[in-house]
């Protein structure tokens, strides 16, 4: 049975583990990042915003109630299915599900809201291209940071029992920060043998670049930046 290391934070990690079990794989949960809510001043949101954009489910999960009270009546444009589900659950009344790619979402919003203002619910750590594309299309973006992503560190003594001292066949990487942390783990003397033959599967080329090639591993990049594409890539491994 293929042993797959899941590095994403909870609650997504457990959700991914269930999918892997259904696929016949053995998941090993080792979140390399975690999210934490940031203080948000709901009164700072401008009255002239026309819509809300979300590219991460965590951004809406960590949004405080007073902020949602201000925004929930506005049309919400989510990057994809999972984010749209989180937006509806949080209380948005009108949610549009995007193409699953942040830059493609920005292209569409740039056409629809040129000359207008939107709120972008986001994390402190994020990909700049989304906002840059909107600003280039003359959309005024009010970025509201609702959460931060921080790295989680583990000792060798904590990791070895978790993986039962056996080799790991594959690792799934969902963020650049996790990719950097994974590279550090794989280079530790006590863990090198465990990760010696591990195949690396990532959501995007940006994450692959963060992992780098110093570990000498072939990196497989999903066709789209969503988990369905990532798991399809794992299923079709050569």
C-alpha atoms as a PDB file:
ATOM      1  CA  UNK A   1       0.000   0.000   0.000  1.00  0.00           C
ATOM      2  CA  UNK A   2       1.356   3.406  -1.013  1.00  0.00           C
ATOM      3  CA  UNK A   3       2.193   5.548   2.038  1.00  0.00           C
ATOM      4  CA  UNK A   4       1.317   9.214   1.416  1.00  0.00           C
ATOM      5  CA  UNK A   5       2.387  12.096   3.645  1.00  0.00           C
ATOM      6  CA  UNK A   6      -0.277  14.817   3.966  1.00  0.00           C
ATOM      7  CA  UNK A   7       1.262  18.178   4.896  1.00  0.00           C
ATOM      8  CA  UNK A   8      -1.710  20.536   4.731  1.00  0.00           C
ATOM      9  CA  UNK A   9      -3.193  22.022   7.928  1.00  0.00           C
ATOM     10  CA  UNK A  10      -6.398  20.863   9.580  1.00  0.00           C
ATOM     11  CA  UNK A  11      -9.281  20.609   8.935  1.00  0.00           C
ATOM     12  CA  UNK A  12      -8.214  19.895   5.367  1.00  0.00           C
ATOM     13  CA  UNK A  13      -5.632  17.271   6.366  1.00  0.00           C
ATOM     14  CA  UNK A  14      -8.217  14.860   7.791  1.00  0.00           C
ATOM     15  CA  UNK A  15     -10.486  15.412   4.802  1.00  0.00           C
ATOM     16  CA  UNK A  16      -7.624  14.530   2.458  1.00  0.00           C
ATOM     17  CA  UNK A  17      -6.747  11.464   4.556  1.00  0.00           C
ATOM     18  CA  UNK A  18     -10.275  10.094   4.083  1.00  0.00           C
ATOM     19  CA  UNK A  19     -10.018  10.558   0.313  1.00  0.00           C
ATOM     20  CA  UNK A  20      -6.657   8.777   0.242  1.00  0.00           C
ATOM     21  CA  UNK A  21      -8.055   5.839   2.216  1.00  0.00           C
ATOM     22  CA  UNK A  22     -10.927   5.555  -0.264  1.00  0.00           C
ATOM     23  CA  UNK A  23      -8.329   5.462  -3.050  1.00  0.00           C
ATOM     24  CA  UNK A  24      -6.516   2.589  -1.351  1.00  0.00           C
ATOM     25  CA  UNK A  25      -3.570   4.576  -0.006  1.00  0.00           C
ATOM     26  CA  UNK A  26      -2.216   4.819   3.538  1.00  0.00           C
ATOM     27  CA  UNK A  27      -2.282   8.478   4.643  1.00  0.00           C
ATOM     28  CA  UNK A  28       0.179   9.851   7.195  1.00  0.00           C
ATOM     29  CA  UNK A  29      -0.827  13.209   8.657  1.00  0.00           C
ATOM     30  CA  UNK A  30       2.004  15.658   9.279  1.00  0.00           C
ATOM     31  CA  UNK A  31       0.696  19.242   8.916  1.00  0.00           C
ATOM     32  CA  UNK A  32       3.682  21.470   8.189  1.00  0.00           C
ATOM     33  CA  UNK A  33       1.678  24.679   8.540  1.00  0.00           C
ATOM     34  CA  UNK A  34      -1.212  25.903  10.634  1.00  0.00           C
ATOM     35  CA  UNK A  35      -3.531  28.885  10.344  1.00  0.00           C
ATOM     36  CA  UNK A  36      -4.366  31.420  13.022  1.00  0.00           C
ATOM     37  CA  UNK A  37      -6.971  34.168  13.026  1.00  0.00           C
ATOM     38  CA  UNK A  38      -5.862  37.793  12.826  1.00  0.00           C
ATOM     39  CA  UNK A  39      -7.672  40.725  14.442  1.00  0.00           C
ATOM     40  CA  UNK A  40      -9.920  42.487  11.930  1.00  0.00           C
ATOM     41  CA  UNK A  41     -11.635  45.857  12.233  1.00  0.00           C
ATOM     42  CA  UNK A  42     -14.980  45.462  10.446  1.00  0.00           C
ATOM     43  CA  UNK A  43     -15.484  49.230  10.578  1.00  0.00           C
ATOM     44  CA  UNK A  44     -12.489  49.699   8.304  1.00  0.00           C
ATOM     45  CA  UNK A  45     -14.384  48.200   5.347  1.00  0.00           C
ATOM     46  CA  UNK A  46     -15.410  50.936   2.933  1.00  0.00           C
ATOM     47  CA  UNK A  47     -19.099  51.520   2.178  1.00  0.00           C
ATOM     48  CA  UNK A  48     -18.496  51.713  -1.563  1.00  0.00           C
ATOM     49  CA  UNK A  49     -17.406  48.108  -2.175  1.00  0.00           C
ATOM     50  CA  UNK A  50     -19.375  46.230  -4.816  1.00  0.00           C
ATOM     51  CA  UNK A  51     -18.393  42.634  -4.090  1.00  0.00           C
ATOM     52  CA  UNK A  52     -16.201  40.257  -2.117  1.00  0.00           C
ATOM     53  CA  UNK A  53     -13.485  38.006  -3.560  1.00  0.00           C
ATOM     54  CA  UNK A  54     -12.095  34.911  -1.830  1.00  0.00           C
ATOM     55  CA  UNK A  55      -9.253  32.690  -3.039  1.00  0.00           C
ATOM     56  CA  UNK A  56      -8.855  30.640   0.150  1.00  0.00           C
ATOM     57  CA  UNK A  57     -11.451  28.851   2.273  1.00  0.00           C
ATOM     58  CA  UNK A  58      -9.357  29.740   5.330  1.00  0.00           C
ATOM     59  CA  UNK A  59      -9.968  33.434   4.671  1.00  0.00           C
ATOM     60  CA  UNK A  60     -13.689  33.055   5.247  1.00  0.00           C
ATOM     61  CA  UNK A  61     -13.379  30.442   7.992  1.00  0.00           C
ATOM     62  CA  UNK A  62     -11.353  32.903  10.053  1.00  0.00           C
ATOM     63  CA  UNK A  63     -13.520  35.939   9.272  1.00  0.00           C
ATOM     64  CA  UNK A  64     -15.080  37.261  12.511  1.00  0.00           C
ATOM     65  CA  UNK A  65     -18.842  37.563  12.901  1.00  0.00           C
ATOM     66  CA  UNK A  66     -18.951  41.357  12.857  1.00  0.00           C
ATOM     67  CA  UNK A  67     -17.075  41.385   9.548  1.00  0.00           C
ATOM     68  CA  UNK A  68     -19.457  38.835   8.042  1.00  0.00           C
ATOM     69  CA  UNK A  69     -22.396  40.956   9.203  1.00  0.00           C
ATOM     70  CA  UNK A  70     -20.999  43.785   7.083  1.00  0.00           C
ATOM     71  CA  UNK A  71     -20.174  41.678   4.020  1.00  0.00           C
ATOM     72  CA  UNK A  72     -22.694  38.822   3.810  1.00  0.00           C
ATOM     73  CA  UNK A  73     -25.208  40.708   1.655  1.00  0.00           C
ATOM     74  CA  UNK A  74     -22.604  41.496  -1.003  1.00  0.00           C
ATOM     75  CA  UNK A  75     -22.077  39.147  -3.960  1.00  0.00           C
ATOM     76  CA  UNK A  76     -19.190  36.802  -3.153  1.00  0.00           C
ATOM     77  CA  UNK A  77     -16.866  35.497  -5.859  1.00  0.00           C
ATOM     78  CA  UNK A  78     -15.000  32.369  -4.752  1.00  0.00           C
ATOM     79  CA  UNK A  79     -12.070  30.869  -6.597  1.00  0.00           C
ATOM     80  CA  UNK A  80     -13.526  27.355  -6.721  1.00  0.00           C
ATOM     81  CA  UNK A  81     -15.903  24.755  -5.300  1.00  0.00           C
ATOM     82  CA  UNK A  82     -14.378  24.268  -1.844  1.00  0.00           C
ATOM     83  CA  UNK A  83     -14.034  28.009  -1.251  1.00  0.00           C
ATOM     84  CA  UNK A  84     -17.585  28.598  -2.452  1.00  0.00           C
ATOM     85  CA  UNK A  85     -18.879  25.982   0.003  1.00  0.00           C
ATOM     86  CA  UNK A  86     -17.001  27.688   2.853  1.00  0.00           C
ATOM     87  CA  UNK A  87     -18.438  31.064   1.830  1.00  0.00           C
ATOM     88  CA  UNK A  88     -22.014  29.776   1.869  1.00  0.00           C
ATOM     89  CA  UNK A  89     -21.442  28.090   5.218  1.00  0.00           C
ATOM     90  CA  UNK A  90     -20.090  31.363   6.637  1.00  0.00           C
ATOM     91  CA  UNK A  91     -23.268  33.189   5.670  1.00  0.00           C
ATOM     92  CA  UNK A  92     -22.797  34.774   2.244  1.00  0.00           C
ATOM     93  CA  UNK A  93     -26.176  34.913   0.542  1.00  0.00           C
ATOM     94  CA  UNK A  94     -24.970  35.104  -3.060  1.00  0.00           C
ATOM     95  CA  UNK A  95     -21.888  33.051  -3.983  1.00  0.00           C
ATOM     96  CA  UNK A  96     -20.408  32.541  -7.443  1.00  0.00           C
ATOM     97  CA  UNK A  97     -18.089  29.579  -7.946  1.00  0.00           C
ATOM     98  CA  UNK A  98     -15.005  30.464  -9.990  1.00  0.00           C
ATOM     99  CA  UNK A  99     -12.825  28.432 -12.359  1.00  0.00           C
ATOM    100  CA  UNK A 100     -10.529  27.069  -9.643  1.00  0.00           C
ATOM    101  CA  UNK A 101      -7.613  29.324 -10.561  1.00  0.00           C
ATOM    102  CA  UNK A 102      -6.949  32.651  -8.821  1.00  0.00           C
ATOM    103  CA  UNK A 103      -5.541  34.425 -11.857  1.00  0.00           C
ATOM    104  CA  UNK A 104      -8.467  33.318 -14.035  1.00  0.00           C
ATOM    105  CA  UNK A 105     -10.835  34.607 -11.342  1.00  0.00           C
ATOM    106  CA  UNK A 106      -8.992  37.935 -11.352  1.00  0.00           C
ATOM    107  CA  UNK A 107      -9.422  38.167 -15.129  1.00  0.00           C
ATOM    108  CA  UNK A 108     -13.183  37.775 -14.803  1.00  0.00           C
ATOM    109  CA  UNK A 109     -13.492  40.193 -11.903  1.00  0.00           C
ATOM    110  CA  UNK A 110     -11.361  42.721 -13.756  1.00  0.00           C
ATOM    111  CA  UNK A 111     -13.936  42.831 -16.527  1.00  0.00           C
ATOM    112  CA  UNK A 112     -16.964  42.880 -14.209  1.00  0.00           C
ATOM    113  CA  UNK A 113     -15.708  45.433 -11.676  1.00  0.00           C
ATOM    114  CA  UNK A 114     -13.394  47.773 -13.564  1.00  0.00           C
ATOM    115  CA  UNK A 115     -13.657  51.211 -11.977  1.00  0.00           C
ATOM    116  CA  UNK A 116     -15.248  49.762  -8.832  1.00  0.00           C
ATOM    117  CA  UNK A 117     -14.016  48.585  -5.428  1.00  0.00           C
ATOM    118  CA  UNK A 118     -14.073  45.074  -3.986  1.00  0.00           C
ATOM    119  CA  UNK A 119     -13.082  43.490  -0.677  1.00  0.00           C
ATOM    120  CA  UNK A 120     -10.522  40.704  -0.902  1.00  0.00           C
ATOM    121  CA  UNK A 121     -10.685  38.353   2.098  1.00  0.00           C
ATOM    122  CA  UNK A 122      -7.238  36.809   2.307  1.00  0.00           C
ATOM    123  CA  UNK A 123      -4.331  35.605   4.385  1.00  0.00           C
ATOM    124  CA  UNK A 124      -1.234  37.529   5.336  1.00  0.00           C
ATOM    125  CA  UNK A 125       0.802  35.130   3.192  1.00  0.00           C
ATOM    126  CA  UNK A 126      -0.593  35.099  -0.339  1.00  0.00           C
ATOM    127  CA  UNK A 127       0.242  35.186  -4.038  1.00  0.00           C
ATOM    128  CA  UNK A 128       0.527  38.788  -5.259  1.00  0.00           C
ATOM    129  CA  UNK A 129      -0.606  38.166  -8.848  1.00  0.00           C
ATOM    130  CA  UNK A 130      -4.312  38.145  -7.963  1.00  0.00           C
ATOM    131  CA  UNK A 131      -4.298  41.704  -6.608  1.00  0.00           C
ATOM    132  CA  UNK A 132      -1.886  42.903  -9.281  1.00  0.00           C
ATOM    133  CA  UNK A 133      -4.186  41.711 -12.058  1.00  0.00           C
ATOM    134  CA  UNK A 134      -7.197  43.411 -10.504  1.00  0.00           C
ATOM    135  CA  UNK A 135      -5.355  46.676  -9.987  1.00  0.00           C
ATOM    136  CA  UNK A 136      -4.146  46.571 -13.598  1.00  0.00           C
ATOM    137  CA  UNK A 137      -7.821  46.268 -14.611  1.00  0.00           C
ATOM    138  CA  UNK A 138      -8.619  49.390 -12.538  1.00  0.00           C
ATOM    139  CA  UNK A 139     -10.349  47.500  -9.744  1.00  0.00           C
ATOM    140  CA  UNK A 140      -9.762  49.021  -6.319  1.00  0.00           C
ATOM    141  CA  UNK A 141      -8.872  46.159  -3.990  1.00  0.00           C
ATOM    142  CA  UNK A 142      -9.423  46.402  -0.229  1.00  0.00           C
ATOM    143  CA  UNK A 143      -7.397  43.477   1.136  1.00  0.00           C
ATOM    144  CA  UNK A 144      -8.708  42.284   4.509  1.00  0.00           C
ATOM    145  CA  UNK A 145      -6.285  39.812   6.105  1.00  0.00           C
ATOM    146  CA  UNK A 146      -8.260  37.423   8.308  1.00  0.00           C
ATOM    147  CA  UNK A 147      -5.572  34.812   9.016  1.00  0.00           C
ATOM    148  CA  UNK A 148      -1.883  34.058   8.994  1.00  0.00           C
ATOM    149  CA  UNK A 149      -0.078  30.846   8.036  1.00  0.00           C
ATOM    150  CA  UNK A 150       2.787  29.755  10.229  1.00  0.00           C
ATOM    151  CA  UNK A 151       5.210  26.862   9.928  1.00  0.00           C
ATOM    152  CA  UNK A 152       4.961  23.926  12.330  1.00  0.00           C
ATOM    153  CA  UNK A 153       8.216  22.331  13.474  1.00  0.00           C
ATOM    154  CA  UNK A 154       8.746  18.737  14.593  1.00  0.00           C
ATOM    155  CA  UNK A 155      11.678  16.957  16.182  1.00  0.00           C
ATOM    156  CA  UNK A 156      13.081  13.778  14.638  1.00  0.00           C
ATOM    157  CA  UNK A 157      11.822  11.946  17.727  1.00  0.00           C
ATOM    158  CA  UNK A 158       8.268  13.141  16.999  1.00  0.00           C
ATOM    159  CA  UNK A 159       8.308  12.201  13.324  1.00  0.00           C
ATOM    160  CA  UNK A 160       9.926   8.747  13.394  1.00  0.00           C
ATOM    161  CA  UNK A 161       7.207   7.055  15.515  1.00  0.00           C
ATOM    162  CA  UNK A 162       4.519   8.724  13.422  1.00  0.00           C
ATOM    163  CA  UNK A 163       5.821   7.162  10.234  1.00  0.00           C
ATOM    164  CA  UNK A 164       6.769   3.930  12.023  1.00  0.00           C
ATOM    165  CA  UNK A 165      10.350   4.334  10.854  1.00  0.00           C
ATOM    166  CA  UNK A 166       9.330   3.200   7.363  1.00  0.00           C
ATOM    167  CA  UNK A 167       9.923   4.950   4.070  1.00  0.00           C
ATOM    168  CA  UNK A 168       7.350   7.406   2.744  1.00  0.00           C
ATOM    169  CA  UNK A 169       6.313   6.777  -0.868  1.00  0.00           C
ATOM    170  CA  UNK A 170       4.764  10.165  -1.700  1.00  0.00           C
ATOM    171  CA  UNK A 171       4.227  13.605  -0.207  1.00  0.00           C
ATOM    172  CA  UNK A 172       1.482  16.096  -1.073  1.00  0.00           C
ATOM    173  CA  UNK A 173       2.446  19.780  -0.876  1.00  0.00           C
ATOM    174  CA  UNK A 174      -0.224  22.491  -0.872  1.00  0.00           C
ATOM    175  CA  UNK A 175       1.795  25.659  -0.209  1.00  0.00           C
ATOM    176  CA  UNK A 176       5.213  27.191  -0.751  1.00  0.00           C
ATOM    177  CA  UNK A 177       5.751  27.439   2.999  1.00  0.00           C
ATOM    178  CA  UNK A 178       5.078  23.712   3.425  1.00  0.00           C
ATOM    179  CA  UNK A 179       7.401  22.963   0.503  1.00  0.00           C
ATOM    180  CA  UNK A 180      10.278  24.773   2.195  1.00  0.00           C
ATOM    181  CA  UNK A 181       9.585  22.978   5.474  1.00  0.00           C
ATOM    182  CA  UNK A 182       9.417  19.612   3.704  1.00  0.00           C
ATOM    183  CA  UNK A 183      12.753  20.151   2.020  1.00  0.00           C
ATOM    184  CA  UNK A 184      14.333  20.855   5.401  1.00  0.00           C
ATOM    185  CA  UNK A 185      12.802  17.696   6.869  1.00  0.00           C
ATOM    186  CA  UNK A 186      13.966  15.508   3.995  1.00  0.00           C
ATOM    187  CA  UNK A 187      17.546  16.741   4.419  1.00  0.00           C
ATOM    188  CA  UNK A 188      17.817  15.878   8.128  1.00  0.00           C
ATOM    189  CA  UNK A 189      20.322  13.041   8.713  1.00  0.00           C
ATOM    190  CA  UNK A 190      17.877  11.015  10.827  1.00  0.00           C
ATOM    191  CA  UNK A 191      15.151  11.279   8.168  1.00  0.00           C
ATOM    192  CA  UNK A 192      17.089  11.051   4.900  1.00  0.00           C
ATOM    193  CA  UNK A 193      16.518   7.307   4.520  1.00  0.00           C
ATOM    194  CA  UNK A 194      12.790   7.691   5.222  1.00  0.00           C
ATOM    195  CA  UNK A 195      12.401  10.254   2.425  1.00  0.00           C
ATOM    196  CA  UNK A 196      15.091   8.882   0.110  1.00  0.00           C
ATOM    197  CA  UNK A 197      12.634   7.562  -2.491  1.00  0.00           C
ATOM    198  CA  UNK A 198       9.685   9.851  -1.758  1.00  0.00           C
ATOM    199  CA  UNK A 199       7.888  11.253  -4.787  1.00  0.00           C
ATOM    200  CA  UNK A 200       6.772  14.858  -4.510  1.00  0.00           C
ATOM    201  CA  UNK A 201       3.320  15.981  -5.726  1.00  0.00           C
ATOM    202  CA  UNK A 202       2.499  19.712  -5.651  1.00  0.00           C
ATOM    203  CA  UNK A 203      -0.450  21.971  -6.461  1.00  0.00           C
ATOM    204  CA  UNK A 204       1.420  24.482  -8.621  1.00  0.00           C
ATOM    205  CA  UNK A 205       4.689  25.416 -10.312  1.00  0.00           C
ATOM    206  CA  UNK A 206       5.199  28.093  -7.653  1.00  0.00           C
ATOM    207  CA  UNK A 207       5.193  25.426  -4.945  1.00  0.00           C
ATOM    208  CA  UNK A 208       7.541  23.263  -6.997  1.00  0.00           C
ATOM    209  CA  UNK A 209       9.944  26.214  -7.258  1.00  0.00           C
ATOM    210  CA  UNK A 210       9.798  26.695  -3.485  1.00  0.00           C
ATOM    211  CA  UNK A 211      10.713  23.048  -2.944  1.00  0.00           C
ATOM    212  CA  UNK A 212      13.584  23.338  -5.424  1.00  0.00           C
ATOM    213  CA  UNK A 213      15.634  20.565  -6.932  1.00  0.00           C
ATOM    214  CA  UNK A 214      18.453  20.332  -4.397  1.00  0.00           C
ATOM    215  CA  UNK A 215      16.933  17.159  -2.974  1.00  0.00           C
ATOM    216  CA  UNK A 216      17.289  15.548  -6.409  1.00  0.00           C
ATOM    217  CA  UNK A 217      13.646  14.512  -6.517  1.00  0.00           C
ATOM    218  CA  UNK A 218      11.325  14.533  -9.521  1.00  0.00           C
ATOM    219  CA  UNK A 219       8.497  16.935  -8.751  1.00  0.00           C
ATOM    220  CA  UNK A 220       5.076  16.337 -10.246  1.00  0.00           C
ATOM    221  CA  UNK A 221       2.839  19.385 -10.691  1.00  0.00           C
ATOM    222  CA  UNK A 222      -0.963  19.159 -10.800  1.00  0.00           C
ATOM    223  CA  UNK A 223      -2.686  20.283 -13.989  1.00  0.00           C
ATOM    224  CA  UNK A 224      -4.823  22.690 -11.946  1.00  0.00           C
ATOM    225  CA  UNK A 225      -4.342  24.266  -8.522  1.00  0.00           C
ATOM    226  CA  UNK A 226      -6.957  22.143  -6.768  1.00  0.00           C
ATOM    227  CA  UNK A 227      -6.936  18.916  -4.803  1.00  0.00           C
ATOM    228  CA  UNK A 228      -8.899  16.914  -7.361  1.00  0.00           C
ATOM    229  CA  UNK A 229      -6.129  17.506  -9.901  1.00  0.00           C
ATOM    230  CA  UNK A 230      -3.455  16.742  -7.305  1.00  0.00           C
ATOM    231  CA  UNK A 231      -5.024  13.420  -6.331  1.00  0.00           C
ATOM    232  CA  UNK A 232      -5.579  12.527  -9.983  1.00  0.00           C
ATOM    233  CA  UNK A 233      -1.859  13.060 -10.510  1.00  0.00           C
ATOM    234  CA  UNK A 234      -1.090  10.770  -7.574  1.00  0.00           C
ATOM    235  CA  UNK A 235      -3.480   8.125  -8.887  1.00  0.00           C
ATOM    236  CA  UNK A 236      -1.857   8.203 -12.330  1.00  0.00           C
ATOM    237  CA  UNK A 237       1.720   8.063 -11.011  1.00  0.00           C
ATOM    238  CA  UNK A 238       4.073   6.196 -13.407  1.00  0.00           C
END
